[in-house]
Amino acid sequence: MNIIEKYGFTDEIKSSENNLGKLIWARVTSQHRDLYQIVTDRGFLQAKISGKMNHQIVNTTEYPAVGDWVLISVEANATGIIRKLWPRKSILAREASGNDSSGQVIASNIDTIFICMSLNTNFNPRRVERYLTMAWDSGATPVVVLTKSDLCNDITAKLQELEDVCMGVDTVVCSFEMKTGLDELSAYIKPQKTVVFIGSSGVGKSSLINWLLGDAELETKKVRKGDDKGRHTTTSRQLILLPNGGIVIDTPGMRELQLFVGNLSKTFEDITQLAKKCRFRDCSHQNEPGCAVKEAVKDGRLDADRLKSYLKLQREMSYSKMNSRQLENEKINQAFGSKKAMKKSRQHMQRIKRR
């Protein structure tokens, strides 16, 4: 097995392109702004995208990302030029920070997504819902990894809180300090298969990857005292080959995950099923009569916070598809009902100030 095969190159990928000419296959292993590190059957190279490819790109998600398979040419100075992006079998994307409509690819061509959350004061079921909504849309299989179990005295209670949230999702409880649950985690990692670790800063992603590597290759830091919030350790995404033949993508911790795309119906399957019994097909589950979802909240079959999370993520995902003007109008409608109502509200406040 040559080096590119170790990084997941299969006959399926190879046979997808018959007329290579002078182009060769490569996989993106890391990215630093507009420069990439790639692996080919000749080893590792530095690369950049061609001017033609750059000109043809319409959306930021079309740029190569860590995990991507690409076709390249090699210059005389041994620099790779990325000419073509192979269609992704799975893609994990978020909304780019500071932009209301652009996506950012976190990782691609992945088989399993480890959603990591620590069992200290950082524990938050609503955050897991957010990550699962993104993960179910990716095309990969999510697994929830609850870390730092040695710092938790009520694991059973926390697992009960996640019972509806993690419906249909495997959950692994582990502790790097106590070395528990780690073998269960590694069982998901197979040769030539790619996994990605995602989660907030300080949840222990780098420590888990170090254990899988068998060596402290990734830098780790202690969480802040007082609030259990983590510090950024991993500063860029990188694809790493593990001793057991598996492939892992380490990602920087995310302070806030803004959804770009997602699968709400899968993450909130209980609400989706209840919604089928609503009187109105387009029920928003807020003020309509005959709403089966609101009735389930009223009689205790559905957690009110879970419905609130569902509605919030639904609005957020609709925002991500709007341009700046549409986004502004929608927020006005959410707050006032219409622009006309907003103007009336402002006029009313001005009259009050004059008194």
Protein backbone atom coordinates (compact mmCIF):
# COMPACT_ATOMS: atom_id res chain seq x y z
CA MET A 1 0.00 0.00 0.00
CA ASN A 2 1.54 3.32 -1.07
CA ILE A 3 1.21 6.49 0.99
CA ILE A 4 -1.83 7.96 -0.77
CA GLU A 5 -3.72 4.69 -0.31
CA LYS A 6 -3.01 4.91 3.41
CA TYR A 7 -4.76 8.29 3.33
CA GLY A 8 -7.94 6.71 1.95
CA PHE A 9 -7.38 6.57 -1.83
CA THR A 10 -9.68 3.87 -3.18
CA ASP A 11 -10.47 2.21 -6.52
CA GLU A 12 -13.76 4.14 -6.55
CA ILE A 13 -11.92 7.46 -6.56
CA LYS A 14 -9.31 6.20 -9.03
CA SER A 15 -11.89 4.95 -11.56
CA SER A 16 -13.95 8.18 -11.38
CA GLU A 17 -11.50 9.97 -13.70
CA ASN A 18 -10.31 8.14 -16.82
CA ASN A 19 -8.50 10.91 -18.71
CA LEU A 20 -5.91 12.13 -16.26
CA GLY A 21 -3.27 13.13 -18.80
CA LYS A 22 -0.42 14.60 -16.77
CA LEU A 23 -2.61 15.18 -13.71
CA ILE A 24 -2.20 13.10 -10.56
CA TRP A 25 -4.41 12.45 -7.54
CA ALA A 26 -3.79 14.13 -4.18
CA ARG A 27 -5.57 14.66 -0.86
CA VAL A 28 -5.51 17.92 1.09
CA THR A 29 -3.98 17.34 4.54
CA SER A 30 -3.82 20.94 5.79
CA GLN A 31 -4.52 24.49 4.71
CA HIS A 32 -2.89 27.81 5.57
CA ARG A 33 -4.80 30.65 3.90
CA ASP A 34 -4.36 30.09 0.14
CA LEU A 35 -1.59 27.48 0.51
CA TYR A 36 -2.24 23.77 0.94
CA GLN A 37 -0.29 20.72 2.02
CA ILE A 38 -1.26 17.69 -0.06
CA VAL A 39 -0.28 14.02 -0.14
CA THR A 40 0.27 12.15 -3.42
CA ASP A 41 1.72 8.77 -4.35
CA ARG A 42 5.05 10.65 -4.48
CA GLY A 43 4.77 11.95 -0.93
CA PHE A 44 3.87 15.38 0.48
CA LEU A 45 3.85 18.61 -1.54
CA GLN A 46 2.92 22.25 -1.09
CA ALA A 47 0.18 23.38 -3.46
CA LYS A 48 -2.03 26.26 -4.54
CA ILE A 49 -5.11 26.40 -6.75
CA SER A 50 -4.79 27.33 -10.42
CA GLY A 51 -5.82 30.77 -11.67
CA LYS A 52 -8.51 29.22 -13.86
CA MET A 53 -10.03 27.28 -10.95
CA ASN A 54 -9.92 30.36 -8.73
CA HIS A 55 -11.72 32.39 -11.41
CA GLN A 56 -14.48 29.77 -11.78
CA ILE A 57 -15.25 29.53 -8.04
CA VAL A 58 -18.57 31.16 -7.16
CA ASN A 59 -19.03 30.17 -3.48
CA THR A 60 -16.39 29.87 -0.77
CA THR A 61 -17.41 26.25 -0.15
CA GLU A 62 -16.03 25.41 -3.62
CA TYR A 63 -12.46 26.05 -2.48
CA PRO A 64 -10.46 22.93 -1.53
CA ALA A 65 -10.59 22.03 2.17
CA VAL A 66 -8.92 19.51 4.46
CA GLY A 67 -10.01 16.02 3.43
CA ASP A 68 -10.69 16.92 -0.20
CA TRP A 69 -9.50 14.80 -3.12
CA VAL A 70 -8.04 16.92 -5.92
CA LEU A 71 -6.33 16.52 -9.27
CA ILE A 72 -3.05 18.39 -9.57
CA SER A 73 -0.17 19.09 -11.89
CA VAL A 74 3.37 19.34 -10.53
CA GLU A 75 5.57 22.29 -11.49
CA ALA A 76 9.31 22.07 -12.09
CA ASN A 77 9.92 23.44 -8.58
CA ALA A 78 7.89 20.53 -7.11
CA THR A 79 4.94 22.79 -6.25
CA GLY A 80 1.50 21.32 -6.84
CA ILE A 81 -1.17 23.22 -8.79
CA ILE A 82 -4.71 22.15 -7.92
CA ARG A 83 -6.71 21.92 -11.15
CA LYS A 84 -9.89 20.09 -10.15
CA LEU A 85 -11.89 19.19 -7.03
CA TRP A 86 -13.34 15.68 -6.84
CA PRO A 87 -17.06 15.62 -5.84
CA ARG A 88 -17.28 15.27 -2.07
CA LYS A 89 -19.01 12.19 -0.64
CA SER A 90 -19.59 14.10 2.61
CA ILE A 91 -19.04 17.67 3.74
CA LEU A 92 -19.13 19.33 7.15
CA ALA A 93 -19.79 23.06 6.79
CA ARG A 94 -20.62 25.99 9.02
CA GLU A 95 -21.50 29.62 8.40
CA ALA A 96 -18.39 31.72 7.96
CA SER A 97 -17.88 34.19 10.79
CA GLY A 98 -18.58 37.79 9.84
CA ASN A 99 -20.59 36.83 6.77
CA ASP A 100 -24.35 36.40 6.58
CA SER A 101 -24.48 34.09 3.55
CA SER A 102 -21.13 32.40 3.02
CA GLY A 103 -20.26 28.88 4.13
CA GLN A 104 -16.99 27.54 5.48
CA VAL A 105 -16.01 23.91 4.96
CA ILE A 106 -14.71 22.34 8.17
CA ALA A 107 -13.83 18.94 6.68
CA SER A 108 -14.80 16.75 3.73
CA ASN A 109 -14.90 13.11 2.68
CA ILE A 110 -15.39 11.95 6.26
CA ASP A 111 -17.02 8.75 7.48
CA THR A 112 -17.60 9.50 11.18
CA ILE A 113 -18.05 12.76 13.10
CA PHE A 114 -17.15 12.72 16.79
CA ILE A 115 -19.16 15.48 18.50
CA CYS A 116 -17.25 16.14 21.72
CA MET A 117 -18.69 17.73 24.84
CA SER A 118 -17.25 17.63 28.33
CA LEU A 119 -19.20 16.51 31.39
CA ASN A 120 -18.21 19.52 33.49
CA THR A 121 -19.99 22.88 33.67
CA ASN A 122 -19.57 23.13 29.89
CA PHE A 123 -22.28 20.46 29.45
CA ASN A 124 -25.13 21.76 27.27
CA PRO A 125 -27.73 19.57 25.46
CA ARG A 126 -28.74 22.51 23.25
CA ARG A 127 -25.18 22.67 21.88
CA VAL A 128 -25.34 18.98 20.98
CA GLU A 129 -28.57 19.63 19.05
CA ARG A 130 -26.79 22.34 17.09
CA TYR A 131 -23.84 20.09 16.21
CA LEU A 132 -26.10 17.16 15.33
CA THR A 133 -28.17 19.32 12.98
CA MET A 134 -25.00 20.12 11.06
CA ALA A 135 -23.65 16.55 11.27
CA TRP A 136 -26.80 14.80 10.01
CA ASP A 137 -26.72 16.98 6.89
CA SER A 138 -23.06 16.16 6.15
CA GLY A 139 -23.48 12.63 4.83
CA ALA A 140 -21.27 11.18 7.60
CA THR A 141 -22.32 9.30 10.75
CA PRO A 142 -22.31 11.29 14.02
CA VAL A 143 -21.18 9.85 17.37
CA VAL A 144 -21.55 11.91 20.56
CA VAL A 145 -18.43 11.73 22.76
CA LEU A 146 -18.87 12.86 26.38
CA THR A 147 -15.43 13.63 27.77
CA LYS A 148 -14.01 14.27 31.24
CA SER A 149 -16.34 11.84 32.98
CA ASP A 150 -13.94 11.89 35.95
CA LEU A 151 -15.19 15.44 36.68
CA CYS A 152 -18.86 14.45 36.76
CA ASN A 153 -20.79 13.05 39.73
CA ASP A 154 -24.14 12.65 37.96
CA ILE A 155 -23.41 10.92 34.65
CA THR A 156 -26.72 9.03 34.68
CA ALA A 157 -28.68 12.27 35.05
CA LYS A 158 -26.78 13.90 32.20
CA LEU A 159 -27.34 10.90 29.94
CA GLN A 160 -31.06 11.19 30.68
CA GLU A 161 -30.94 14.85 29.59
CA LEU A 162 -29.49 13.70 26.27
CA GLU A 163 -31.92 10.82 25.75
CA ASP A 164 -34.18 12.69 23.31
CA VAL A 165 -31.36 14.80 21.89
CA CYS A 166 -29.23 11.78 20.92
CA MET A 167 -32.04 9.66 19.56
CA GLY A 168 -30.54 7.20 17.06
CA VAL A 169 -26.98 8.33 17.80
CA ASP A 170 -24.27 6.28 19.52
CA THR A 171 -22.86 7.88 22.68
CA VAL A 172 -19.44 7.23 24.19
CA VAL A 173 -18.60 8.31 27.75
CA CYS A 174 -14.86 8.61 28.36
CA SER A 175 -12.12 10.10 30.48
CA PHE A 176 -8.61 10.70 29.22
CA GLU A 177 -7.33 11.08 32.79
CA MET A 178 -8.87 7.78 33.97
CA LYS A 179 -8.30 6.04 30.59
CA THR A 180 -11.93 4.87 30.48
CA GLY A 181 -14.07 4.61 27.35
CA LEU A 182 -11.06 5.10 25.07
CA ASP A 183 -11.11 1.58 23.63
CA GLU A 184 -14.81 2.02 22.88
CA LEU A 185 -13.97 5.23 21.02
CA SER A 186 -11.14 3.69 18.99
CA ALA A 187 -13.46 0.87 17.85
CA TYR A 188 -15.14 3.37 15.51
CA ILE A 189 -11.87 4.11 13.69
CA LYS A 190 -11.07 1.75 10.82
CA PRO A 191 -8.14 1.63 8.33
CA GLN A 192 -8.52 4.07 5.40
CA LYS A 193 -11.65 5.58 7.00
CA THR A 194 -11.69 9.24 7.98
CA VAL A 195 -13.07 10.64 11.24
CA VAL A 196 -13.27 14.23 12.46
CA PHE A 197 -13.36 15.58 16.02
CA ILE A 198 -15.48 18.72 16.53
CA GLY A 199 -16.57 20.60 19.63
CA SER A 200 -15.90 23.62 21.82
CA SER A 201 -12.43 24.60 22.97
CA GLY A 202 -11.16 22.70 25.99
CA VAL A 203 -13.36 19.60 25.69
CA GLY A 204 -10.32 17.37 25.21
CA LYS A 205 -10.25 16.68 21.46
CA SER A 206 -6.45 16.98 21.19
CA SER A 207 -5.93 14.73 24.24
CA LEU A 208 -8.10 12.03 22.67
CA ILE A 209 -6.24 12.27 19.37
CA ASN A 210 -2.93 12.09 21.21
CA TRP A 211 -4.08 8.83 22.81
CA LEU A 212 -5.06 7.47 19.40
CA LEU A 213 -1.65 8.52 18.06
CA GLY A 214 0.15 6.89 20.95
CA ASP A 215 2.26 10.02 21.31
CA ALA A 216 1.66 13.56 22.60
CA GLU A 217 1.95 15.06 19.12
CA LEU A 218 -0.77 17.68 19.49
CA GLU A 219 -0.41 20.51 21.99
CA THR A 220 -2.92 20.52 24.85
CA LYS A 221 -3.80 23.18 27.41
CA LYS A 222 -5.70 23.27 30.67
CA VAL A 223 -9.17 24.82 30.75
CA ARG A 224 -9.60 28.15 32.56
CA LYS A 225 -10.30 27.95 36.25
CA GLY A 226 -13.71 29.14 37.38
CA ASP A 227 -15.80 28.67 34.24
CA ASP A 228 -14.38 25.45 32.68
CA LYS A 229 -14.06 27.25 29.34
CA GLY A 230 -11.32 25.96 27.10
CA ARG A 231 -8.46 27.66 25.33
CA HIS A 232 -7.76 27.21 21.64
CA THR A 233 -5.02 24.62 21.18
CA THR A 234 -5.45 23.47 17.60
CA THR A 235 -5.20 26.58 15.40
CA SER A 236 -5.74 25.01 11.97
CA ARG A 237 -7.36 21.90 10.55
CA GLN A 238 -5.06 19.00 9.80
CA LEU A 239 -5.46 15.45 8.55
CA ILE A 240 -3.41 12.89 10.49
CA LEU A 241 -2.67 9.23 9.83
CA LEU A 242 -3.17 7.03 12.92
CA PRO A 243 -1.11 3.95 13.85
CA ASN A 244 -4.12 1.65 13.34
CA GLY A 245 -4.51 2.85 9.75
CA GLY A 246 -7.40 5.22 10.44
CA ILE A 247 -7.34 8.87 9.43
CA VAL A 248 -8.34 11.72 11.73
CA ILE A 249 -9.05 15.40 11.11
CA ASP A 250 -8.40 17.64 14.10
CA THR A 251 -10.26 20.96 14.11
CA PRO A 252 -9.93 24.14 16.19
CA GLY A 253 -12.47 24.50 18.97
CA MET A 254 -15.51 26.59 18.08
CA ARG A 255 -16.68 29.26 20.51
CA GLU A 256 -19.92 29.60 18.58
CA LEU A 257 -21.27 27.40 15.81
CA GLN A 258 -23.45 29.26 13.31
CA LEU A 259 -25.36 26.88 11.05
CA PHE A 260 -24.95 27.17 7.29
CA VAL A 261 -26.83 23.98 6.38
CA GLY A 262 -28.40 21.30 8.55
CA ASN A 263 -30.93 18.51 8.88
CA LEU A 264 -33.48 19.58 11.48
CA SER A 265 -35.95 16.80 10.69
CA LYS A 266 -33.36 14.15 11.64
CA THR A 267 -32.05 15.92 14.74
CA PHE A 268 -35.58 16.70 15.96
CA GLU A 269 -37.28 13.54 14.74
CA ASP A 270 -39.68 13.59 17.72
CA ILE A 271 -40.92 17.06 16.76
CA THR A 272 -41.11 16.06 13.09
CA GLN A 273 -43.39 13.14 13.96
CA LEU A 274 -45.57 15.26 16.23
CA ALA A 275 -45.89 17.95 13.54
CA LYS A 276 -47.63 15.47 11.25
CA LYS A 277 -50.61 15.60 13.63
CA CYS A 278 -50.92 19.40 13.61
CA ARG A 279 -54.16 20.81 12.21
CA PHE A 280 -52.30 22.97 9.67
CA ARG A 281 -49.64 21.55 7.36
CA ASP A 282 -47.55 24.76 7.59
CA CYS A 283 -47.93 25.03 11.37
CA SER A 284 -45.13 27.11 12.93
CA HIS A 285 -45.75 25.52 16.37
CA GLN A 286 -46.18 28.88 18.03
CA ASN A 287 -49.72 30.33 18.11
CA GLU A 288 -51.79 28.18 15.75
CA PRO A 289 -54.81 26.26 17.08
CA GLY A 290 -54.65 22.49 16.91
CA CYS A 291 -50.85 22.36 17.20
CA ALA A 292 -49.85 18.84 18.26
CA VAL A 293 -46.32 20.02 19.13
CA LYS A 294 -47.50 22.69 21.59
CA GLU A 295 -49.95 20.16 23.05
CA ALA A 296 -47.05 17.74 23.64
CA VAL A 297 -45.20 20.48 25.52
CA LYS A 298 -48.29 21.26 27.58
CA ASP A 299 -48.80 17.67 28.75
CA GLY A 300 -45.08 17.02 29.36
CA ARG A 301 -44.31 14.70 26.42
CA LEU A 302 -41.94 17.26 24.88
CA ASP A 303 -39.42 19.46 26.66
CA ALA A 304 -40.22 23.16 26.14
CA ASP A 305 -36.51 23.99 25.84
CA ARG A 306 -36.16 21.44 23.04
CA LEU A 307 -38.97 23.10 21.06
CA LYS A 308 -37.40 26.50 21.70
CA SER A 309 -34.07 25.18 20.37
CA TYR A 310 -35.79 23.74 17.29
CA LEU A 311 -37.48 27.04 16.44
CA LYS A 312 -34.26 28.98 17.00
CA LEU A 313 -32.23 26.72 14.69
CA GLN A 314 -35.02 26.82 12.11
CA ARG A 315 -34.87 30.63 12.01
CA GLU A 316 -31.08 30.59 11.93
CA MET A 317 -30.97 28.25 8.95
CA SER A 318 -33.48 30.39 7.06
CA TYR A 319 -31.29 33.45 7.74
CA SER A 320 -28.20 31.73 6.27
CA LYS A 321 -29.87 31.57 2.85
CA MET A 322 -30.71 35.30 2.74
CA ASN A 323 -28.74 38.25 1.47
CA SER A 324 -28.17 41.23 3.79
CA ARG A 325 -31.37 43.06 2.76
CA GLN A 326 -33.54 39.96 3.13
CA LEU A 327 -31.90 39.25 6.49
CA GLU A 328 -32.65 42.77 7.74
CA ASN A 329 -36.29 42.54 6.64
CA GLU A 330 -36.77 39.15 8.27
CA LYS A 331 -35.36 40.37 11.58
CA ILE A 332 -37.70 43.36 11.45
CA ASN A 333 -40.63 41.01 10.83
CA GLN A 334 -39.57 38.81 13.75
CA ALA A 335 -39.34 41.81 16.10
CA PHE A 336 -42.25 43.99 14.93
CA GLY A 337 -44.32 42.01 12.42
CA SER A 338 -43.61 44.39 9.52
CA LYS A 339 -41.72 47.56 8.56
CA LYS A 340 -44.95 49.53 8.96
CA ALA A 341 -45.32 48.25 12.53
CA MET A 342 -41.68 49.14 13.23
CA LYS A 343 -42.23 52.73 12.06
CA LYS A 344 -45.32 53.03 14.26
CA SER A 345 -43.33 51.72 17.23
CA ARG A 346 -40.58 54.29 16.63
CA GLN A 347 -43.11 57.12 16.29
CA HIS A 348 -44.73 56.03 19.54
CA MET A 349 -41.35 56.02 21.35
CA GLN A 350 -40.55 59.50 19.98
CA ARG A 351 -43.88 60.85 21.27
CA ILE A 352 -43.12 59.44 24.71
CA LYS A 353 -39.67 61.14 24.72
CA ARG A 354 -41.21 64.52 23.85
CA ARG A 355 -43.51 64.44 26.88
